[in-house]
Amino acid sequence: MKKALKITGKIILGLIVLLLLALLAIFIMHRYKLSQEKDLISQPIGEMTEVDGKNMCVYTAGSGEHTIVFMSGYGTPSPILDFKPLWNRLKENNRIAVVEKFGYGFSDETDDPRDIDTMLRQTREALKAAGVEGPYILCPHSASGIEAIYWAQTYPEEVEAIAALDIAVPGYNEETGYSIFADRLMAFIVDSGLIRLMPTESFEWGINSPDLTEAEREQYKALMYARRGSSTMLHEAEWCKRNMETISQKDVPDVPMLFFISKKMAAGIFPSDPDKYMQLFRNYTHNEKQYIDVDCGHYIHVEEPDFTAAEIERFIEDTEN
């Protein structure tokens, strides 16, 4: 019996050692690849603006009477490329701008607090530095909905309307039981290099969109391996609950709002009662805004860019009338 236990112990120990060696090999390979991929992300797609002594990237295109500002959801590695399927369709009739917060895309990291006041100030300063004047039609995705709502609450004269892509609203954290554990786990997966073992097809991000060129897909992958799960992103996640409480203490913004709501997201979060998720947005806004339930995943702008662009154009026309 003792002999069998010793053999079993040695086998387990051997497996642990092999696992650690494999993780070390993956980590070393990951670091080597990062050094090779530096050139892919050394030339920003947008304009680098100086905010608080650091560089924040802003991409602009198109022209028109309205300016649409795209604000990425938490953890999106390359906001500029991620939103391309949507802004590429809207730039014909509108001026578009994509702001990459610190820690995202081509923008620098920062040690600044990720409270809502600081993040909004930095976004507004980056747009100003890039020569993008308001008022704006905000187009936030996911967690950036907190910033967009606060923007409209605090500076309503700067916000013409909000076209919200499956955003976080007051009540979301309480109903979904949000935990930062998943964010920390993803950061480990990226830092260790394990993310390179995962097929890109498994991600919802725009990295798989046919709207991206092959060169852009390579850039997106390089940004994903280098930036996803950054310390700045994790710091933002730590502030999420407090930022949500800040906007919860103020009234619903008195601006036109269009909500795109993902049915698949609803089914994933509340499989036994998807309507609970769908009603979050209606309950928060007292059912007084516009809502479109979309049969696709959370990254609506990636999965349904034609439909989303057409509805945003219609929404803009409605606001004019």
Protein backbone atom coordinates (compact mmCIF):
# COMPACT_ATOMS: atom_id res chain seq x y z
CA MET A 1 0.00 0.00 0.00
CA LYS A 2 2.78 2.43 0.98
CA LYS A 3 4.67 1.56 -2.18
CA ALA A 4 1.59 2.29 -4.30
CA LEU A 5 1.09 5.64 -2.57
CA LYS A 6 4.75 6.55 -3.19
CA ILE A 7 4.42 5.68 -6.88
CA THR A 8 1.19 7.69 -7.14
CA GLY A 9 2.86 10.62 -5.38
CA LYS A 10 5.79 10.54 -7.77
CA ILE A 11 3.47 10.43 -10.78
CA ILE A 12 1.48 13.43 -9.51
CA LEU A 13 4.69 15.32 -8.76
CA GLY A 14 6.00 14.48 -12.21
CA LEU A 15 2.81 15.74 -13.83
CA ILE A 16 2.99 18.99 -11.85
CA VAL A 17 6.60 19.51 -12.92
CA LEU A 18 5.68 18.85 -16.56
CA LEU A 19 2.78 21.29 -16.31
CA LEU A 20 5.01 23.99 -14.83
CA LEU A 21 7.63 23.43 -17.53
CA ALA A 22 4.93 23.66 -20.20
CA LEU A 23 3.63 26.92 -18.71
CA LEU A 24 7.18 28.27 -18.59
CA ALA A 25 7.75 27.35 -22.23
CA ILE A 26 4.48 29.02 -23.24
CA PHE A 27 5.40 32.13 -21.25
CA ILE A 28 8.87 32.38 -22.87
CA MET A 29 7.40 31.86 -26.33
CA HIS A 30 4.77 34.53 -25.59
CA ARG A 31 7.42 37.08 -24.60
CA TYR A 32 9.45 36.30 -27.71
CA LYS A 33 6.37 36.74 -29.91
CA LEU A 34 5.54 40.05 -28.22
CA SER A 35 8.97 41.39 -29.15
CA GLN A 36 8.39 40.29 -32.76
CA GLU A 37 4.96 41.93 -32.87
CA LYS A 38 6.09 45.34 -31.62
CA ASP A 39 6.33 46.72 -35.15
CA LEU A 40 2.68 45.83 -35.79
CA ILE A 41 1.50 48.19 -33.05
CA SER A 42 4.21 50.84 -33.21
CA GLN A 43 2.31 52.96 -35.75
CA PRO A 44 -1.10 54.00 -34.35
CA ILE A 45 -4.06 53.97 -36.71
CA GLY A 46 -5.46 57.17 -35.22
CA GLU A 47 -4.05 60.44 -33.90
CA MET A 48 -2.10 60.43 -30.65
CA THR A 49 -3.32 63.25 -28.39
CA GLU A 50 -1.68 64.32 -25.16
CA VAL A 51 -3.81 63.97 -22.04
CA ASP A 52 -2.33 64.25 -18.55
CA GLY A 53 1.15 63.93 -20.00
CA LYS A 54 0.39 60.64 -21.77
CA ASN A 55 -0.78 59.60 -25.23
CA MET A 56 -4.40 58.78 -25.93
CA CYS A 57 -5.42 57.62 -29.41
CA VAL A 58 -8.38 59.11 -31.28
CA TYR A 59 -9.46 57.95 -34.73
CA THR A 60 -11.63 60.17 -36.92
CA ALA A 61 -13.18 59.77 -40.35
CA GLY A 62 -16.08 60.93 -42.48
CA SER A 63 -18.02 64.17 -42.44
CA GLY A 64 -21.56 65.36 -41.86
CA GLU A 65 -23.79 67.43 -39.60
CA HIS A 66 -23.54 64.93 -36.74
CA THR A 67 -20.52 63.60 -34.87
CA ILE A 68 -20.77 60.04 -33.55
CA VAL A 69 -18.35 59.15 -30.75
CA PHE A 70 -17.71 55.42 -30.29
CA MET A 71 -16.83 54.26 -26.76
CA SER A 72 -15.63 50.70 -26.31
CA GLY A 73 -16.76 48.15 -23.78
CA TYR A 74 -14.51 46.89 -21.01
CA GLY A 75 -11.56 44.81 -22.18
CA THR A 76 -11.93 45.37 -25.93
CA PRO A 77 -8.30 45.11 -27.11
CA SER A 78 -8.60 47.40 -30.16
CA PRO A 79 -11.58 49.77 -30.05
CA ILE A 80 -10.72 51.44 -33.37
CA LEU A 81 -10.63 48.14 -35.27
CA ASP A 82 -13.43 46.61 -33.24
CA PHE A 83 -15.86 49.36 -34.21
CA LYS A 84 -14.76 49.41 -37.85
CA PRO A 85 -17.70 47.29 -39.10
CA LEU A 86 -20.04 49.98 -37.75
CA TRP A 87 -18.16 53.25 -38.25
CA ASN A 88 -17.25 52.18 -41.79
CA ARG A 89 -20.97 52.22 -42.61
CA LEU A 90 -21.78 55.43 -40.75
CA LYS A 91 -18.88 57.60 -41.93
CA GLU A 92 -20.57 58.31 -45.27
CA ASN A 93 -23.14 60.63 -43.68
CA ASN A 94 -21.53 61.47 -40.34
CA ARG A 95 -18.25 62.44 -38.78
CA ILE A 96 -17.11 59.57 -36.58
CA ALA A 97 -14.59 59.43 -33.75
CA VAL A 98 -13.32 56.46 -31.77
CA VAL A 99 -11.66 57.23 -28.43
CA GLU A 100 -9.30 54.60 -27.03
CA LYS A 101 -9.13 55.05 -23.27
CA PHE A 102 -5.83 54.63 -21.46
CA GLY A 103 -4.91 50.95 -21.40
CA TYR A 104 -6.77 50.23 -24.65
CA GLY A 105 -5.59 49.87 -28.24
CA PHE A 106 -2.75 52.26 -29.05
CA SER A 107 -3.19 54.44 -25.96
CA ASP A 108 -0.73 54.48 -23.06
CA GLU A 109 -1.17 52.81 -19.70
CA THR A 110 -1.91 55.02 -16.69
CA ASP A 111 -1.83 54.86 -12.91
CA ASP A 112 -4.62 57.44 -12.64
CA PRO A 113 -7.77 56.36 -10.78
CA ARG A 114 -10.44 54.93 -13.08
CA ASP A 115 -13.27 56.83 -11.43
CA ILE A 116 -15.94 58.08 -13.80
CA ASP A 117 -14.99 61.76 -13.44
CA THR A 118 -11.37 61.13 -14.41
CA MET A 119 -12.20 58.87 -17.36
CA LEU A 120 -14.82 61.26 -18.74
CA ARG A 121 -12.51 64.26 -18.38
CA GLN A 122 -9.77 62.41 -20.26
CA THR A 123 -12.15 61.37 -23.04
CA ARG A 124 -13.40 64.94 -23.48
CA GLU A 125 -9.86 66.34 -23.46
CA ALA A 126 -8.71 63.79 -26.05
CA LEU A 127 -11.57 64.74 -28.38
CA LYS A 128 -10.82 68.43 -27.93
CA ALA A 129 -7.12 67.86 -28.65
CA ALA A 130 -8.08 65.97 -31.81
CA GLY A 131 -10.26 68.88 -32.93
CA VAL A 132 -13.53 66.97 -32.54
CA GLU A 133 -16.15 69.40 -31.30
CA GLY A 134 -19.58 68.60 -29.89
CA PRO A 135 -22.41 68.17 -29.51
CA TYR A 136 -21.97 64.43 -29.92
CA ILE A 137 -24.09 61.40 -30.55
CA LEU A 138 -22.54 58.92 -28.14
CA CYS A 139 -22.33 55.29 -29.21
CA PRO A 140 -21.14 53.33 -26.17
CA HIS A 141 -20.79 49.56 -25.96
CA SER A 142 -21.14 47.52 -22.77
CA ALA A 143 -19.43 49.04 -19.69
CA SER A 144 -18.74 52.38 -21.40
CA GLY A 145 -22.46 52.98 -21.10
CA ILE A 146 -21.68 54.13 -17.55
CA GLU A 147 -19.43 56.89 -18.92
CA ALA A 148 -21.92 57.84 -21.64
CA ILE A 149 -24.81 58.14 -19.19
CA TYR A 150 -22.68 60.21 -16.82
CA TRP A 151 -21.62 62.43 -19.73
CA ALA A 152 -25.25 63.18 -20.57
CA GLN A 153 -26.09 63.69 -16.88
CA THR A 154 -23.19 66.08 -16.29
CA TYR A 155 -22.78 67.89 -19.61
CA PRO A 156 -26.17 67.57 -21.36
CA GLU A 157 -25.31 70.42 -23.73
CA GLU A 158 -22.54 68.24 -25.21
CA VAL A 159 -24.72 65.18 -25.83
CA GLU A 160 -27.15 65.24 -28.72
CA ALA A 161 -28.28 61.63 -28.23
CA ILE A 162 -27.09 58.18 -27.16
CA ALA A 163 -27.18 55.06 -29.35
CA ALA A 164 -26.38 52.37 -26.80
CA LEU A 165 -24.96 48.98 -27.81
CA ASP A 166 -26.00 46.51 -25.09
CA ILE A 167 -24.64 48.77 -22.36
CA ALA A 168 -24.41 48.42 -18.60
CA VAL A 169 -27.12 50.36 -16.76
CA PRO A 170 -27.99 50.83 -13.08
CA GLY A 171 -29.24 47.52 -11.72
CA TYR A 172 -26.94 45.46 -13.96
CA ASN A 173 -24.35 44.63 -11.28
CA GLU A 174 -26.96 43.71 -8.69
CA GLU A 175 -29.00 41.52 -11.02
CA THR A 176 -26.09 39.71 -12.71
CA GLY A 177 -23.89 39.30 -9.64
CA TYR A 178 -20.88 40.73 -11.51
CA SER A 179 -17.50 39.65 -10.13
CA ILE A 180 -14.02 40.82 -11.03
CA PHE A 181 -12.71 37.23 -10.83
CA ALA A 182 -13.32 36.61 -14.55
CA ASP A 183 -11.37 39.77 -15.40
CA ARG A 184 -8.40 38.68 -13.28
CA LEU A 185 -8.51 35.21 -14.82
CA MET A 186 -8.44 36.68 -18.33
CA ALA A 187 -5.49 38.88 -17.35
CA PHE A 188 -3.60 35.75 -16.23
CA ILE A 189 -4.48 33.94 -19.46
CA VAL A 190 -3.05 36.84 -21.47
CA ASP A 191 0.04 37.51 -19.33
CA SER A 192 0.98 33.82 -19.27
CA GLY A 193 0.61 33.45 -23.04
CA LEU A 194 -2.15 30.86 -22.74
CA ILE A 195 -4.34 33.11 -24.88
CA ARG A 196 -2.20 32.14 -27.88
CA LEU A 197 -3.53 28.58 -27.55
CA MET A 198 -7.10 29.81 -27.97
CA PRO A 199 -8.50 30.08 -31.53
CA THR A 200 -9.41 33.66 -32.47
CA GLU A 201 -12.79 32.32 -33.64
CA SER A 202 -13.70 31.84 -29.99
CA PHE A 203 -13.69 35.60 -29.34
CA GLU A 204 -16.65 37.91 -29.96
CA TRP A 205 -14.39 40.85 -30.75
CA GLY A 206 -14.17 42.32 -34.24
CA ILE A 207 -10.94 40.45 -34.90
CA ASN A 208 -12.94 37.98 -37.02
CA SER A 209 -14.98 40.57 -38.93
CA PRO A 210 -14.80 40.43 -42.75
CA ASP A 211 -14.64 44.25 -42.64
CA LEU A 212 -11.05 44.03 -41.42
CA THR A 213 -8.19 43.52 -43.84
CA GLU A 214 -5.69 40.76 -43.18
CA ALA A 215 -3.16 43.36 -42.03
CA GLU A 216 -5.72 44.82 -39.62
CA ARG A 217 -6.47 41.37 -38.22
CA GLU A 218 -2.78 40.88 -37.53
CA GLN A 219 -2.69 44.26 -35.80
CA TYR A 220 -5.75 43.34 -33.74
CA LYS A 221 -4.13 40.07 -32.63
CA ALA A 222 -0.92 41.87 -31.66
CA LEU A 223 -2.90 44.39 -29.59
CA MET A 224 -4.90 41.58 -28.00
CA TYR A 225 -1.77 39.73 -26.91
CA ALA A 226 -0.09 42.91 -25.68
CA ARG A 227 -2.94 44.89 -24.10
CA ARG A 228 -5.89 42.70 -23.07
CA GLY A 229 -5.93 42.39 -19.31
CA SER A 230 -3.60 45.36 -18.75
CA SER A 231 -3.23 46.77 -15.25
CA THR A 232 -5.16 49.85 -16.38
CA MET A 233 -8.06 47.68 -17.55
CA LEU A 234 -8.13 45.76 -14.27
CA HIS A 235 -8.07 49.02 -12.33
CA GLU A 236 -11.10 50.13 -14.36
CA ALA A 237 -12.92 46.91 -13.48
CA GLU A 238 -12.23 47.54 -9.80
CA TRP A 239 -13.93 50.95 -10.11
CA CYS A 240 -16.93 49.65 -12.04
CA LYS A 241 -19.27 49.20 -9.09
CA ARG A 242 -18.50 52.62 -7.61
CA ASN A 243 -18.93 54.29 -11.00
CA MET A 244 -22.28 52.60 -11.43
CA GLU A 245 -23.36 53.91 -8.02
CA THR A 246 -22.40 57.42 -9.12
CA ILE A 247 -24.74 57.45 -12.11
CA SER A 248 -27.46 55.68 -10.12
CA GLN A 249 -27.68 58.71 -7.82
CA LYS A 250 -28.64 60.98 -10.73
CA ASP A 251 -31.73 61.06 -12.94
CA VAL A 252 -31.95 59.30 -16.29
CA PRO A 253 -30.41 61.61 -18.92
CA ASP A 254 -32.96 63.83 -20.63
CA VAL A 255 -31.64 63.11 -24.14
CA PRO A 256 -32.92 60.83 -26.92
CA MET A 257 -31.69 57.29 -26.30
CA LEU A 258 -31.80 54.17 -28.45
CA PHE A 259 -30.98 50.85 -26.79
CA PHE A 260 -29.80 47.82 -28.77
CA ILE A 261 -30.31 44.81 -26.46
CA SER A 262 -28.73 41.41 -27.11
CA LYS A 263 -31.08 38.43 -26.80
CA LYS A 264 -28.14 36.02 -26.66
CA MET A 265 -26.59 38.02 -23.83
CA ALA A 266 -29.91 37.81 -22.00
CA ALA A 267 -30.09 34.04 -22.47
CA GLY A 268 -26.49 33.63 -21.34
CA ILE A 269 -26.87 35.64 -18.14
CA PHE A 270 -30.40 34.58 -17.22
CA PRO A 271 -31.03 31.26 -19.02
CA SER A 272 -34.21 30.58 -17.06
CA ASP A 273 -35.59 34.11 -17.44
CA PRO A 274 -33.97 36.09 -20.32
CA ASP A 275 -36.65 38.75 -20.10
CA LYS A 276 -35.16 39.83 -16.78
CA TYR A 277 -32.15 41.17 -18.69
CA MET A 278 -34.25 42.75 -21.43
CA GLN A 279 -36.28 44.64 -18.84
CA LEU A 280 -33.22 46.15 -17.11
CA PHE A 281 -32.97 48.86 -19.75
CA ARG A 282 -36.68 49.55 -19.88
CA ASN A 283 -36.97 49.70 -16.10
CA TYR A 284 -34.02 52.09 -15.76
CA THR A 285 -35.44 54.50 -18.34
CA HIS A 286 -39.08 54.08 -17.23
CA ASN A 287 -39.86 52.61 -20.65
CA GLU A 288 -39.65 56.11 -22.16
CA LYS A 289 -36.82 55.60 -24.67
CA GLN A 290 -36.40 53.50 -27.82
CA TYR A 291 -35.45 49.80 -27.60
CA ILE A 292 -34.47 47.19 -30.17
CA ASP A 293 -34.08 43.56 -29.10
CA VAL A 294 -31.46 42.01 -31.39
CA ASP A 295 -31.04 38.26 -31.94
CA CYS A 296 -27.24 38.22 -31.75
CA GLY A 297 -24.40 38.29 -29.22
CA HIS A 298 -23.07 41.08 -27.01
CA TYR A 299 -20.86 42.59 -29.73
CA ILE A 300 -23.83 43.79 -31.75
CA HIS A 301 -21.74 46.16 -33.87
CA VAL A 302 -19.62 43.22 -35.04
CA GLU A 303 -22.37 40.67 -35.67
CA GLU A 304 -25.05 42.96 -37.15
CA PRO A 305 -23.30 46.07 -38.52
CA ASP A 306 -25.67 46.63 -41.46
CA PHE A 307 -28.80 46.46 -39.30
CA THR A 308 -27.25 48.51 -36.49
CA ALA A 309 -25.99 51.23 -38.83
CA ALA A 310 -29.38 51.51 -40.55
CA GLU A 311 -31.18 51.83 -37.21
CA ILE A 312 -28.74 54.45 -35.95
CA GLU A 313 -29.27 56.47 -39.13
CA ARG A 314 -33.03 56.22 -38.59
CA PHE A 315 -32.59 57.25 -34.96
CA ILE A 316 -30.56 60.30 -36.01
CA GLU A 317 -33.31 61.32 -38.42
CA ASP A 318 -35.87 60.94 -35.64
CA THR A 319 -33.83 63.21 -33.34
CA GLU A 320 -33.71 65.86 -36.08
CA ASN A 321 -37.49 65.77 -36.39
